[in-house]
Amino acid sequence: MKENKLTFEQKRIDKDLYIILASALIILGLYTVFQNKIMIFVNDITTHILLRTFVSTLFQFGTAGLGITLVAVLRKENFFTYGLKKKGAFLSILFSTLCFLPHLIFLFATDQVLYYLPFQSVWVTREVLESSFPVNIIGLVLVTAAWGFFEGFNYVFICDKINKRYPNKNRWFNHGAIICAIMCVLIHGMIGVTPRNIIEMITVLIIIYGMLMVKEITENAWGCVFIFVFFWNAF
């Protein structure tokens, strides 16, 4: 579509997507530059666990959450209008969970499942859980918000913006879901080279594309959030 044929809304969405991309790249750039110092700080047990959790959360939120929050505030948009509602929540969670099954089967088949613990791959989770009350609760809320809610909802928000910017009459050729699925594979370094890696990449594509299509069909986003709270970093 040529620039002079874009609607006002599409031009505005372009700016929204630029804001989301720019904020993520800035935080990723800062993390890359200071990665060694950040890792030393996060793993320094002499520093209070809540402070280390908070710093970790800031970087995670900065890459998946800050951009969409800035856009929502700028446009005076409410997250609840993006499918965070009761109606359709059960079906959204159920069918999104089914989209995760191929990846779970892959993990079991390749002996990568030792036990189940939400956010176990997040640096600070175990130490947070072992802390006393109320530190453990506060820390878990921070981890759940950053690595659970915002990472899952980030895909919902971006997908919706892309689909409004590049509308398509074919429901199953969903530009937003496809781009977000590819984006997830690239961000998490899951580009397939060996047969095993290719299968893993395909299962991840199924998760992201599938959960976003479920959101489109049910008009409910809780399934996407559920995946990242209970499954994504849990095995």
Protein backbone atom coordinates (compact mmCIF):
# COMPACT_ATOMS: atom_id res chain seq x y z
CA MET A 1 0.00 0.00 0.00
CA LYS A 2 1.38 3.39 -0.99
CA GLU A 3 1.95 5.96 1.69
CA ASN A 4 -0.52 8.46 0.14
CA LYS A 5 -3.29 5.85 0.31
CA LEU A 6 -2.85 5.10 3.98
CA THR A 7 -5.71 6.06 6.24
CA PHE A 8 -5.15 8.29 9.25
CA GLU A 9 -5.59 5.26 11.52
CA GLN A 10 -2.98 3.24 9.60
CA LYS A 11 -0.48 6.09 9.80
CA ARG A 12 -1.10 6.31 13.53
CA ILE A 13 -0.58 2.56 13.92
CA ASP A 14 2.72 2.87 12.05
CA LYS A 15 3.88 5.26 14.76
CA ASP A 16 2.62 2.89 17.45
CA LEU A 17 4.64 0.01 16.00
CA TYR A 18 7.72 2.23 15.72
CA ILE A 19 7.38 3.14 19.41
CA ILE A 20 7.09 -0.52 20.41
CA LEU A 21 10.07 -1.52 18.27
CA ALA A 22 12.24 1.41 19.36
CA SER A 23 11.62 0.89 23.07
CA ALA A 24 12.43 -2.82 22.82
CA LEU A 25 15.61 -2.18 20.83
CA ILE A 26 16.81 0.49 23.26
CA ILE A 27 16.39 -1.83 26.26
CA LEU A 28 17.96 -4.75 24.39
CA GLY A 29 20.85 -2.49 23.44
CA LEU A 30 21.39 -1.45 27.05
CA TYR A 31 21.22 -5.06 28.17
CA THR A 32 23.75 -6.11 25.54
CA VAL A 33 26.19 -3.36 26.55
CA PHE A 34 25.90 -4.04 30.29
CA GLN A 35 25.14 -7.77 30.15
CA ASN A 36 28.14 -8.90 32.19
CA LYS A 37 27.52 -6.36 34.95
CA ILE A 38 23.82 -7.19 35.01
CA MET A 39 24.46 -10.92 35.32
CA ILE A 40 26.98 -10.36 38.13
CA PHE A 41 24.47 -8.16 39.97
CA VAL A 42 21.54 -10.57 39.50
CA ASN A 43 23.60 -13.51 40.77
CA ASP A 44 25.11 -11.63 43.72
CA ILE A 45 23.45 -13.25 46.74
CA THR A 46 24.76 -10.49 49.02
CA THR A 47 22.25 -8.12 47.39
CA HIS A 48 18.63 -8.45 48.52
CA ILE A 49 16.64 -10.76 46.26
CA LEU A 50 13.83 -8.23 45.75
CA LEU A 51 16.24 -5.63 44.40
CA ARG A 52 17.78 -8.17 42.02
CA THR A 53 14.33 -9.35 40.97
CA PHE A 54 13.20 -5.78 40.38
CA VAL A 55 16.19 -5.02 38.14
CA SER A 56 15.67 -8.25 36.18
CA THR A 57 11.99 -7.39 35.83
CA LEU A 58 12.79 -3.92 34.49
CA PHE A 59 14.82 -5.33 31.60
CA GLN A 60 12.24 -8.01 30.83
CA PHE A 61 9.38 -5.49 30.95
CA GLY A 62 11.45 -3.10 28.85
CA THR A 63 11.69 -5.59 26.01
CA ALA A 64 8.15 -6.99 26.28
CA GLY A 65 5.75 -4.58 27.92
CA LEU A 66 7.16 -1.07 27.98
CA GLY A 67 6.40 -0.33 24.34
CA ILE A 68 2.78 -1.46 24.43
CA THR A 69 2.26 0.38 27.72
CA LEU A 70 3.62 3.62 26.25
CA VAL A 71 1.35 3.25 23.23
CA ALA A 72 -1.68 2.46 25.39
CA VAL A 73 -1.05 5.56 27.52
CA LEU A 74 -0.37 7.75 24.47
CA ARG A 75 -3.51 6.58 22.66
CA LYS A 76 -5.58 6.39 25.85
CA GLU A 77 -6.30 2.72 25.12
CA ASN A 78 -7.40 0.20 27.73
CA PHE A 79 -5.75 -3.22 27.79
CA PHE A 80 -9.15 -4.76 28.54
CA THR A 81 -10.33 -3.82 25.03
CA TYR A 82 -7.75 -6.26 23.66
CA GLY A 83 -9.59 -9.32 24.90
CA LEU A 84 -8.91 -9.35 28.63
CA LYS A 85 -12.46 -10.26 29.61
CA LYS A 86 -14.46 -13.09 31.19
CA LYS A 87 -16.49 -14.04 28.12
CA GLY A 88 -14.70 -16.75 26.16
CA ALA A 89 -11.89 -17.10 28.72
CA PHE A 90 -12.36 -20.83 29.26
CA LEU A 91 -12.31 -21.68 25.54
CA SER A 92 -9.39 -19.32 24.99
CA ILE A 93 -7.34 -21.06 27.70
CA LEU A 94 -8.41 -24.55 26.58
CA PHE A 95 -7.57 -24.15 22.90
CA SER A 96 -4.38 -22.19 23.59
CA THR A 97 -3.27 -25.06 25.82
CA LEU A 98 -3.90 -27.48 22.96
CA CYS A 99 -1.59 -25.35 20.80
CA PHE A 100 1.17 -25.95 23.35
CA LEU A 101 0.81 -29.75 23.25
CA PRO A 102 3.09 -30.36 20.21
CA HIS A 103 5.91 -28.49 21.96
CA LEU A 104 5.30 -30.39 25.20
CA ILE A 105 5.44 -33.70 23.30
CA PHE A 106 8.70 -32.55 21.72
CA LEU A 107 10.17 -31.71 25.14
CA PHE A 108 9.25 -35.13 26.53
CA ALA A 109 10.51 -36.92 23.41
CA THR A 110 13.88 -35.18 23.68
CA ASP A 111 14.20 -35.74 27.46
CA GLN A 112 14.11 -32.03 28.27
CA VAL A 113 11.42 -32.30 30.95
CA LEU A 114 12.73 -32.91 34.47
CA TYR A 115 9.90 -31.36 36.46
CA TYR A 116 7.21 -28.70 36.21
CA LEU A 117 7.73 -25.28 37.77
CA PRO A 118 6.38 -22.05 36.28
CA PHE A 119 9.17 -19.56 35.49
CA GLN A 120 11.88 -22.06 36.42
CA SER A 121 14.11 -20.78 33.61
CA VAL A 122 13.92 -17.23 34.97
CA TRP A 123 17.13 -16.45 36.90
CA VAL A 124 15.58 -15.41 40.19
CA THR A 125 12.55 -17.71 40.49
CA ARG A 126 13.95 -20.41 42.77
CA GLU A 127 15.54 -17.91 45.14
CA VAL A 128 12.30 -15.93 45.26
CA LEU A 129 10.29 -19.04 46.12
CA GLU A 130 12.75 -19.97 48.87
CA SER A 131 12.50 -16.52 50.46
CA SER A 132 10.31 -15.77 53.47
CA PHE A 133 6.92 -14.07 53.39
CA PRO A 134 6.17 -11.45 52.07
CA VAL A 135 9.35 -11.31 49.96
CA ASN A 136 8.39 -14.49 48.11
CA ILE A 137 4.93 -13.16 47.24
CA ILE A 138 6.19 -9.77 46.07
CA GLY A 139 8.96 -11.37 44.03
CA LEU A 140 6.58 -13.88 42.46
CA VAL A 141 4.16 -11.09 41.50
CA LEU A 142 6.99 -9.22 39.76
CA VAL A 143 8.14 -12.33 37.89
CA THR A 144 4.59 -13.29 36.90
CA ALA A 145 3.84 -9.78 35.68
CA ALA A 146 6.99 -9.44 33.56
CA TRP A 147 7.60 -12.97 32.24
CA GLY A 148 3.96 -14.04 32.33
CA PHE A 149 1.34 -11.38 31.74
CA PHE A 150 3.29 -8.81 29.76
CA GLU A 151 5.26 -11.25 27.61
CA GLY A 152 2.07 -13.05 26.63
CA PHE A 153 -0.06 -9.94 26.21
CA ASN A 154 2.72 -8.22 24.27
CA TYR A 155 2.05 -10.60 21.36
CA VAL A 156 -1.69 -9.93 21.56
CA PHE A 157 -1.24 -6.16 21.43
CA ILE A 158 1.31 -6.20 18.59
CA CYS A 159 -0.71 -8.75 16.61
CA ASP A 160 -3.80 -6.57 16.84
CA LYS A 161 -1.89 -3.48 15.72
CA ILE A 162 -0.36 -5.31 12.74
CA ASN A 163 -3.74 -6.66 11.64
CA LYS A 164 -5.28 -3.19 11.78
CA ARG A 165 -2.34 -1.80 9.83
CA TYR A 166 -2.36 -4.59 7.24
CA PRO A 167 -5.96 -5.88 7.11
CA ASN A 168 -6.58 -9.20 5.38
CA LYS A 169 -9.89 -10.81 4.44
CA ASN A 170 -8.40 -14.30 4.84
CA ARG A 171 -8.77 -15.07 8.55
CA TRP A 172 -6.18 -17.86 8.53
CA PHE A 173 -3.53 -15.80 6.72
CA ASN A 174 -3.28 -13.61 9.77
CA HIS A 175 -0.45 -11.11 9.28
CA GLY A 176 -0.15 -10.30 12.97
CA ALA A 177 -0.07 -13.92 14.14
CA ILE A 178 2.46 -14.92 11.47
CA ILE A 179 4.80 -11.99 12.16
CA CYS A 180 4.59 -12.49 15.94
CA ALA A 181 5.35 -16.21 15.58
CA ILE A 182 8.41 -15.47 13.46
CA MET A 183 9.43 -12.70 15.87
CA CYS A 184 9.27 -15.13 18.81
CA VAL A 185 11.47 -17.68 17.03
CA LEU A 186 14.05 -15.01 16.18
CA ILE A 187 14.09 -13.43 19.65
CA HIS A 188 14.55 -16.76 21.40
CA GLY A 189 17.16 -18.00 18.92
CA MET A 190 15.15 -21.00 17.76
CA ILE A 191 16.19 -20.98 14.11
CA GLY A 192 16.22 -24.60 12.97
CA VAL A 193 19.39 -26.07 11.46
CA THR A 194 19.39 -29.69 12.62
CA PRO A 195 16.23 -31.84 12.31
CA ARG A 196 15.73 -31.54 16.07
CA ASN A 197 16.03 -27.75 15.98
CA ILE A 198 13.67 -27.52 13.03
CA ILE A 199 11.03 -29.54 14.88
CA GLU A 200 11.42 -27.35 17.96
CA MET A 201 11.07 -24.22 15.83
CA ILE A 202 7.90 -25.56 14.21
CA THR A 203 6.33 -26.36 17.59
CA VAL A 204 7.08 -22.84 18.83
CA LEU A 205 5.55 -21.36 15.68
CA ILE A 206 2.46 -23.46 16.37
CA ILE A 207 2.25 -22.10 19.94
CA ILE A 208 2.41 -18.42 19.01
CA TYR A 209 0.40 -18.56 15.79
CA GLY A 210 -2.11 -20.92 17.40
CA MET A 211 -2.74 -18.94 20.58
CA LEU A 212 -3.13 -15.70 18.60
CA MET A 213 -5.59 -17.34 16.22
CA VAL A 214 -7.50 -18.64 19.24
CA LYS A 215 -7.62 -15.08 20.51
CA GLU A 216 -8.98 -13.90 17.15
CA ILE A 217 -11.68 -16.58 17.13
CA THR A 218 -12.73 -16.36 20.79
CA GLU A 219 -12.04 -12.62 21.06
CA ASN A 220 -10.40 -13.42 24.39
CA ALA A 221 -6.70 -12.91 25.19
CA TRP A 222 -6.44 -14.82 28.47
CA GLY A 223 -5.30 -17.95 26.66
CA CYS A 224 -2.17 -16.14 25.47
CA VAL A 225 -1.43 -14.89 28.97
CA PHE A 226 -2.10 -18.36 30.42
CA ILE A 227 0.48 -19.95 28.10
CA PHE A 228 3.23 -17.62 29.31
CA VAL A 229 2.27 -17.79 32.98
CA PHE A 230 1.93 -21.56 33.29
CA PHE A 231 3.81 -23.18 30.39
CA TRP A 232 6.40 -21.09 28.56
CA ASN A 233 9.24 -21.18 31.12
CA ALA A 234 7.86 -24.08 33.15
CA PHE A 235 9.61 -27.17 31.73
